[in-house]
Amino acid sequence: MTIEAYVKSKQIALGRTIAPRRKVYLDLMYWIIVRDAALGLRQDAPALKLLHLLRRGVRQGALVCPIADNIFLELMKQPYSEDRRIGTARLCDELSLGVSLMVWDRRVGAEIYAAFHRLLERSGELYEMAEIVWTRAALVLGETHPVIDTLDPTQLLDLQRRWIDELWDTPLLRLIEIIGNQPRPIDPYVALSSETNINRDLHADEITSFERAYEIELRGAIRVCGTLAADALCAMAEKDGVERPHPDDAEKWTTLKNIGLNTLLGAFNAGMGQRVVRTLHIETSLHAAMRVDKARRFKPNDFYDFRHAAAALGYCDTFLTERPLHDLVRRKQLDLLALNDCHVVSDLEEAVEAIRALTRAGD
């Protein structure tokens, strides 16, 4: 067993363990609401009731509130204090049970593999995406493991497995404490939002409809996924006994990336990409909707919101978020709620009722 296969086996076991629980995705605003209620900084009835219902649902085995990489990145923007980052991380550990969605590129890569498997009519069964998209909080930004050339393969694999096992049981709070009060990372979405607005203005005349905006955004999104698409093709070829090209063989990798990009575009043209590569589809749809609304400018938080929406609408049952994003994802033109039948709520009192309904809990 390779270390990759070992990690995947743990992910599948985790996915099956949490399968009976309804997944409730909280954006950062809602994590702050319930954190402040837990710390006694909020005393209003709806906030206290929401916290109570979430805690009871998790404790009784009815709910889990997974985090995702974007939650972690936003969490790192908070001050390192008991009532901010530390308090939020502590509550995340409690309500998420240490469960996180895989980091974005791993999740999209798994979706691309599944789409290619179906499009190319490959033999063999696939694991359900609901089984393989989950990981643990300490691996929220992806798995890392030691590589020591002086160890023989058996010793190295044993070391790597013990390393993963240690991280698997490490709480998010411990990760936050290890990082400590270091300078906050530069927000990459500040520059990206500015660049996006400039490019949108330059090409505004090309956007004649939502469909046209989606087409343009999709091609741009697919270009970003060249390596993921090539990796998916290589993974399939390896199952047929074909070795992966050497990392330094730039010509072969360029060819593979082009084939992968065309295959991925073909999956979307066949209507399969929208259902299977749902993370890319959701984000593309939201970007396109924003581009059509020429009076609205992209802001850094929009990119966090789009990632939250993709995580929630793709793999969770209920999404608690802010009103602007709530209204955007529910547009009939986008038809995003049909992907996974996710219930989206922005009003705090409605959120209380939504969670009450999920847990069938009374007062």
Protein backbone atom coordinates (compact mmCIF):
# COMPACT_ATOMS: atom_id res chain seq x y z
CA MET A 1 0.00 0.00 0.00
CA THR A 2 1.30 3.45 -0.94
CA ILE A 3 0.92 6.38 1.44
CA GLU A 4 -1.64 7.86 -0.99
CA ALA A 5 -3.71 4.67 -0.82
CA TYR A 6 -3.41 4.65 2.97
CA VAL A 7 -4.71 8.22 3.23
CA LYS A 8 -7.55 7.42 0.83
CA SER A 9 -8.57 4.41 2.94
CA LYS A 10 -8.80 6.65 5.99
CA GLN A 11 -10.85 9.20 4.05
CA ILE A 12 -13.29 6.54 2.88
CA ALA A 13 -13.66 5.22 6.43
CA LEU A 14 -14.29 8.76 7.67
CA GLY A 15 -16.83 9.44 4.92
CA ARG A 16 -18.76 6.30 5.82
CA THR A 17 -18.65 7.14 9.53
CA ILE A 18 -20.23 10.57 9.04
CA ALA A 19 -22.62 9.45 6.28
CA PRO A 20 -25.67 9.26 8.62
CA ARG A 21 -25.12 12.83 9.83
CA ARG A 22 -26.59 15.83 8.04
CA LYS A 23 -23.87 18.23 6.98
CA VAL A 24 -24.35 21.88 7.99
CA TYR A 25 -21.88 24.33 6.45
CA LEU A 26 -21.42 27.63 8.28
CA ASP A 27 -19.71 30.53 6.56
CA LEU A 28 -17.42 32.67 8.71
CA MET A 29 -20.23 35.04 9.74
CA TYR A 30 -22.17 32.17 11.29
CA TRP A 31 -19.09 30.71 12.95
CA ILE A 32 -18.61 34.11 14.57
CA ILE A 33 -22.26 34.22 15.69
CA VAL A 34 -22.12 30.85 17.45
CA ARG A 35 -18.61 31.48 18.79
CA ASP A 36 -19.73 34.73 20.41
CA ALA A 37 -22.75 32.93 21.84
CA ALA A 38 -20.48 30.21 23.25
CA LEU A 39 -18.19 32.81 24.85
CA GLY A 40 -21.07 34.80 26.31
CA LEU A 41 -20.40 37.77 24.05
CA ARG A 42 -23.87 37.45 22.52
CA GLN A 43 -26.98 36.98 24.62
CA ASP A 44 -29.72 37.28 21.99
CA ALA A 45 -32.09 34.32 21.92
CA PRO A 46 -31.65 33.30 18.25
CA ALA A 47 -27.85 33.08 18.53
CA LEU A 48 -28.04 31.09 21.78
CA LYS A 49 -30.71 28.78 20.38
CA LEU A 50 -28.74 28.15 17.19
CA LEU A 51 -25.66 27.23 19.22
CA HIS A 52 -27.75 24.97 21.45
CA LEU A 53 -29.36 23.14 18.51
CA LEU A 54 -26.07 22.68 16.69
CA ARG A 55 -24.39 21.32 19.80
CA ARG A 56 -27.25 18.98 20.55
CA GLY A 57 -27.45 17.79 16.95
CA VAL A 58 -23.73 17.00 16.91
CA ARG A 59 -23.84 15.35 20.32
CA GLN A 60 -26.81 13.16 19.35
CA GLY A 61 -25.22 12.05 16.07
CA ALA A 62 -27.65 13.91 13.81
CA LEU A 63 -25.33 16.68 12.54
CA VAL A 64 -21.77 17.58 11.73
CA CYS A 65 -20.54 21.05 10.74
CA PRO A 66 -17.48 20.47 8.54
CA ILE A 67 -14.93 23.15 7.86
CA ALA A 68 -13.02 23.72 4.60
CA ASP A 69 -9.77 25.32 3.50
CA ASN A 70 -11.40 28.72 3.04
CA ILE A 71 -12.71 28.69 6.61
CA PHE A 72 -9.16 28.05 7.79
CA LEU A 73 -7.76 30.88 5.64
CA GLU A 74 -10.37 33.31 6.96
CA LEU A 75 -9.76 32.08 10.48
CA MET A 76 -6.10 33.01 10.13
CA LYS A 77 -7.12 36.60 9.40
CA GLN A 78 -8.64 36.90 12.89
CA PRO A 79 -6.55 38.24 15.80
CA TYR A 80 -4.82 35.51 17.79
CA SER A 81 -6.87 35.74 20.97
CA GLU A 82 -9.26 33.68 23.08
CA ASP A 83 -12.29 35.61 21.87
CA ARG A 84 -11.32 35.53 18.19
CA ARG A 85 -9.14 32.95 16.40
CA ILE A 86 -8.60 30.61 19.35
CA GLY A 87 -12.26 30.68 20.37
CA THR A 88 -13.43 30.08 16.81
CA ALA A 89 -11.03 27.15 16.35
CA ARG A 90 -12.19 25.59 19.62
CA LEU A 91 -15.83 25.70 18.53
CA CYS A 92 -14.92 24.43 15.04
CA ASP A 93 -13.34 21.37 16.67
CA GLU A 94 -16.48 20.78 18.71
CA LEU A 95 -19.07 21.13 15.97
CA SER A 96 -17.04 19.72 13.07
CA LEU A 97 -15.80 16.71 15.04
CA GLY A 98 -12.50 17.45 13.34
CA VAL A 99 -14.01 16.87 9.88
CA SER A 100 -13.05 18.99 6.88
CA LEU A 101 -13.62 18.90 3.17
CA MET A 102 -10.48 18.14 1.18
CA VAL A 103 -8.46 21.11 0.03
CA TRP A 104 -9.79 22.68 -3.18
CA ASP A 105 -7.35 21.22 -5.69
CA ARG A 106 -7.66 17.69 -4.27
CA ARG A 107 -11.44 17.93 -4.35
CA VAL A 108 -11.54 19.25 -7.91
CA GLY A 109 -8.99 16.64 -8.94
CA ALA A 110 -11.20 13.86 -7.57
CA GLU A 111 -14.20 15.31 -9.41
CA ILE A 112 -12.24 15.49 -12.68
CA TYR A 113 -11.14 11.87 -12.27
CA ALA A 114 -14.75 10.80 -11.74
CA ALA A 115 -15.89 12.75 -14.80
CA PHE A 116 -13.16 11.24 -16.99
CA HIS A 117 -13.96 7.77 -15.69
CA ARG A 118 -17.56 8.15 -16.82
CA LEU A 119 -16.87 10.05 -20.04
CA LEU A 120 -14.27 7.53 -21.22
CA GLU A 121 -16.46 4.62 -20.07
CA ARG A 122 -13.75 3.10 -17.94
CA SER A 123 -14.34 -0.28 -16.35
CA GLY A 124 -14.49 -0.71 -12.60
CA GLU A 125 -16.56 1.00 -9.96
CA LEU A 126 -15.89 4.42 -8.48
CA TYR A 127 -16.17 5.39 -4.86
CA GLU A 128 -18.98 7.83 -4.25
CA MET A 129 -17.76 11.42 -3.98
CA ALA A 130 -19.57 11.69 -0.65
CA GLU A 131 -17.14 9.05 0.65
CA ILE A 132 -13.85 10.49 -0.57
CA VAL A 133 -14.12 14.30 -0.22
CA TRP A 134 -13.66 14.31 3.57
CA THR A 135 -10.49 14.59 5.60
CA ARG A 136 -9.40 15.78 9.03
CA ALA A 137 -8.99 19.35 10.25
CA ALA A 138 -5.19 19.24 10.54
CA LEU A 139 -5.08 18.23 6.85
CA VAL A 140 -7.40 21.03 5.76
CA LEU A 141 -4.72 22.43 3.42
CA GLY A 142 -3.71 19.01 2.10
CA GLU A 143 -1.61 16.06 3.21
CA THR A 144 2.12 16.27 3.73
CA HIS A 145 4.38 13.43 4.75
CA PRO A 146 8.15 12.95 5.18
CA VAL A 147 10.29 11.67 2.33
CA ILE A 148 13.70 10.31 3.40
CA ASP A 149 15.75 8.71 0.65
CA THR A 150 18.01 6.81 3.07
CA LEU A 151 15.13 4.70 4.43
CA ASP A 152 14.07 1.54 2.67
CA PRO A 153 10.50 1.60 1.27
CA THR A 154 8.99 -0.40 4.12
CA GLN A 155 10.51 1.82 6.81
CA LEU A 156 9.54 4.97 4.93
CA LEU A 157 5.94 3.85 4.51
CA ASP A 158 5.72 2.99 8.21
CA LEU A 159 7.05 6.45 9.11
CA GLN A 160 4.64 8.14 6.71
CA ARG A 161 1.67 6.20 8.06
CA ARG A 162 2.53 7.10 11.65
CA TRP A 163 2.89 10.74 10.57
CA ILE A 164 -0.56 10.73 8.95
CA ASP A 165 -2.06 8.95 11.97
CA GLU A 166 -0.68 11.66 14.24
CA LEU A 167 -2.09 14.46 12.09
CA TRP A 168 -5.38 12.62 11.70
CA ASP A 169 -6.07 12.98 15.39
CA THR A 170 -4.69 16.51 15.77
CA PRO A 171 -7.40 19.11 16.55
CA LEU A 172 -7.67 22.33 14.59
CA LEU A 173 -7.01 24.26 17.81
CA ARG A 174 -3.65 22.54 18.20
CA LEU A 175 -2.73 23.53 14.65
CA ILE A 176 -3.71 27.13 15.42
CA GLU A 177 -1.60 27.08 18.59
CA ILE A 178 1.42 25.72 16.72
CA ILE A 179 1.16 28.52 14.16
CA GLY A 180 0.69 31.02 16.98
CA ASN A 181 0.62 34.76 16.61
CA GLN A 182 2.62 34.96 13.41
CA PRO A 183 2.04 37.81 10.94
CA ARG A 184 -1.16 37.29 9.00
CA PRO A 185 -0.62 36.01 5.47
CA ILE A 186 -1.20 38.37 2.55
CA ASP A 187 -4.73 38.01 1.25
CA PRO A 188 -4.33 36.75 -2.35
CA TYR A 189 -7.85 37.82 -3.26
CA VAL A 190 -7.08 41.53 -2.91
CA ALA A 191 -4.91 41.53 -6.02
CA LEU A 192 -7.13 39.00 -7.76
CA SER A 193 -10.28 41.06 -7.30
CA SER A 194 -8.56 44.13 -8.71
CA GLU A 195 -7.23 42.19 -11.68
CA THR A 196 -10.64 40.62 -12.29
CA ASN A 197 -12.37 44.00 -12.35
CA ILE A 198 -9.82 45.37 -14.82
CA ASN A 199 -10.19 42.40 -17.16
CA ARG A 200 -13.96 42.52 -16.90
CA ASP A 201 -13.99 46.18 -17.92
CA LEU A 202 -11.68 45.46 -20.85
CA HIS A 203 -13.92 42.69 -22.17
CA ALA A 204 -17.32 44.03 -21.09
CA ASP A 205 -18.61 44.12 -24.66
CA GLU A 206 -18.15 40.33 -24.95
CA ILE A 207 -20.70 39.64 -22.19
CA THR A 208 -24.07 39.61 -23.91
CA SER A 209 -25.80 37.06 -21.66
CA PHE A 210 -25.30 34.82 -18.67
CA GLU A 211 -24.68 31.88 -21.00
CA ARG A 212 -21.92 33.77 -22.79
CA ALA A 213 -20.37 34.83 -19.47
CA TYR A 214 -20.49 31.21 -18.26
CA GLU A 215 -18.77 30.00 -21.43
CA ILE A 216 -15.94 32.52 -21.03
CA GLU A 217 -15.53 31.86 -17.31
CA LEU A 218 -15.58 28.09 -17.82
CA ARG A 219 -12.75 28.18 -20.35
CA GLY A 220 -10.70 30.26 -17.94
CA ALA A 221 -11.47 27.93 -15.03
CA ILE A 222 -10.56 24.85 -17.06
CA ARG A 223 -7.20 26.35 -18.05
CA VAL A 224 -6.32 26.55 -14.34
CA CYS A 225 -6.96 22.80 -14.05
CA GLY A 226 -4.45 21.56 -16.63
CA THR A 227 -2.24 19.76 -14.11
CA LEU A 228 -5.24 18.22 -12.32
CA ALA A 229 -6.64 16.95 -15.62
CA ALA A 230 -3.26 15.52 -16.65
CA ASP A 231 -2.91 13.81 -13.26
CA ALA A 232 -6.34 12.22 -13.70
CA LEU A 233 -5.34 10.80 -17.09
CA CYS A 234 -2.06 9.51 -15.65
CA ALA A 235 -3.87 7.84 -12.75
CA MET A 236 -6.10 6.00 -15.21
CA ALA A 237 -3.15 5.02 -17.39
CA GLU A 238 -1.26 3.68 -14.36
CA LYS A 239 -4.13 1.28 -13.69
CA ASP A 240 -3.52 -0.08 -17.20
CA GLY A 241 0.19 -0.51 -16.48
CA VAL A 242 1.36 2.67 -18.23
CA GLU A 243 4.00 4.57 -16.28
CA ARG A 244 3.58 8.22 -15.47
CA PRO A 245 5.90 10.53 -17.46
CA HIS A 246 9.02 11.74 -15.67
CA PRO A 247 8.43 15.11 -13.96
CA ASP A 248 11.19 16.70 -16.07
CA ASP A 249 9.66 15.63 -19.39
CA ALA A 250 8.09 19.01 -20.13
CA GLU A 251 6.98 18.08 -23.65
CA LYS A 252 4.98 15.03 -22.55
CA TRP A 253 3.39 16.93 -19.67
CA THR A 254 2.39 19.78 -21.98
CA THR A 255 0.76 17.27 -24.32
CA LEU A 256 -0.99 15.55 -21.44
CA LYS A 257 -2.28 18.84 -20.08
CA ASN A 258 -3.71 19.80 -23.46
CA ILE A 259 -5.41 16.41 -23.81
CA GLY A 260 -6.73 16.73 -20.26
CA LEU A 261 -8.09 20.22 -20.85
CA ASN A 262 -9.86 19.15 -24.03
CA THR A 263 -11.28 16.10 -22.28
CA LEU A 264 -12.53 18.23 -19.40
CA LEU A 265 -14.15 20.68 -21.80
CA GLY A 266 -15.73 17.70 -23.53
CA ALA A 267 -17.19 16.55 -20.22
CA PHE A 268 -18.85 19.93 -19.74
CA ASN A 269 -20.08 20.02 -23.34
CA ALA A 270 -21.64 16.60 -22.75
CA GLY A 271 -23.47 17.95 -19.68
CA MET A 272 -21.49 15.70 -17.35
CA GLY A 273 -19.06 18.26 -15.97
CA GLN A 274 -21.82 20.36 -14.45
CA ARG A 275 -23.03 17.42 -12.35
CA VAL A 276 -19.72 15.77 -11.49
CA VAL A 277 -17.12 18.56 -11.50
CA ARG A 278 -19.53 20.50 -9.37
CA THR A 279 -16.99 22.60 -7.49
CA LEU A 280 -15.75 24.13 -10.74
CA HIS A 281 -19.31 24.47 -12.08
CA ILE A 282 -20.61 26.29 -8.99
CA GLU A 283 -17.74 28.76 -8.89
CA THR A 284 -17.94 29.35 -12.64
CA SER A 285 -21.67 30.03 -12.39
CA LEU A 286 -21.18 32.57 -9.60
CA HIS A 287 -18.36 34.33 -11.43
CA ALA A 288 -20.52 34.49 -14.57
CA ALA A 289 -23.47 35.91 -12.64
CA MET A 290 -21.23 38.62 -11.22
CA ARG A 291 -19.84 39.48 -14.65
CA VAL A 292 -23.34 39.91 -16.07
CA ASP A 293 -24.18 42.34 -13.26
CA LYS A 294 -21.95 45.10 -14.61
CA ALA A 295 -22.82 47.52 -11.81
CA ARG A 296 -21.36 45.20 -9.18
CA ARG A 297 -17.61 45.13 -8.62
CA PHE A 298 -15.67 42.09 -7.46
CA LYS A 299 -14.40 42.36 -3.87
CA PRO A 300 -11.87 40.11 -2.12
CA ASN A 301 -14.60 38.57 0.05
CA ASP A 302 -16.50 37.48 -3.07
CA PHE A 303 -13.81 34.89 -3.78
CA TYR A 304 -14.06 33.49 -0.26
CA ASP A 305 -17.84 33.41 -0.66
CA PHE A 306 -17.65 31.51 -3.95
CA ARG A 307 -15.43 28.87 -2.36
CA HIS A 308 -17.82 28.58 0.59
CA ALA A 309 -20.75 28.17 -1.79
CA ALA A 310 -18.97 25.46 -3.78
CA ALA A 311 -18.19 23.50 -0.62
CA ALA A 312 -21.68 23.86 0.82
CA LEU A 313 -23.81 23.42 -2.31
CA GLY A 314 -21.65 20.59 -3.55
CA TYR A 315 -21.50 18.38 -0.47
CA CYS A 316 -23.61 19.67 2.42
CA ASP A 317 -27.30 19.61 3.33
CA THR A 318 -27.67 23.12 4.76
CA PHE A 319 -25.72 26.30 4.10
CA LEU A 320 -25.85 29.16 6.62
CA THR A 321 -24.55 32.32 4.96
CA GLU A 322 -25.05 36.05 4.43
CA ARG A 323 -27.97 37.55 2.51
CA PRO A 324 -26.11 38.67 -0.67
CA LEU A 325 -24.63 35.21 -1.26
CA HIS A 326 -27.94 33.59 -0.29
CA ASP A 327 -29.73 35.59 -2.97
CA LEU A 328 -27.03 34.94 -5.57
CA VAL A 329 -26.87 31.15 -5.24
CA ARG A 330 -30.67 30.84 -5.29
CA ARG A 331 -31.09 32.49 -8.69
CA LYS A 332 -33.12 30.18 -10.89
CA GLN A 333 -30.93 30.97 -13.85
CA LEU A 334 -27.97 29.34 -12.09
CA ASP A 335 -29.96 26.28 -10.91
CA LEU A 336 -27.30 25.45 -8.33
CA LEU A 337 -29.56 24.10 -5.60
CA ALA A 338 -30.54 21.18 -7.83
CA LEU A 339 -27.00 19.77 -7.66
CA ASN A 340 -27.27 18.48 -4.11
CA ASP A 341 -30.62 19.74 -2.78
CA CYS A 342 -28.84 22.02 -0.31
CA HIS A 343 -31.02 24.31 1.81
CA VAL A 344 -29.61 27.85 1.92
CA VAL A 345 -30.48 30.18 4.82
CA SER A 346 -29.29 33.68 5.70
CA ASP A 347 -31.75 34.97 8.31
CA LEU A 348 -30.69 34.01 11.84
CA GLU A 349 -34.15 33.06 13.06
CA GLU A 350 -34.74 31.02 9.91
CA ALA A 351 -31.40 29.32 10.55
CA VAL A 352 -32.66 28.26 13.98
CA GLU A 353 -35.77 26.73 12.43
CA ALA A 354 -33.73 25.02 9.71
CA ILE A 355 -31.45 23.33 12.24
CA ARG A 356 -34.41 22.48 14.45
CA ALA A 357 -36.01 20.75 11.46
CA LEU A 358 -32.81 18.82 10.72
CA THR A 359 -32.57 17.49 14.25
CA ARG A 360 -36.34 17.27 14.83
CA ALA A 361 -35.60 18.89 18.18
CA GLY A 362 -38.10 20.78 20.26
CA ASP A 363 -37.48 23.57 22.73
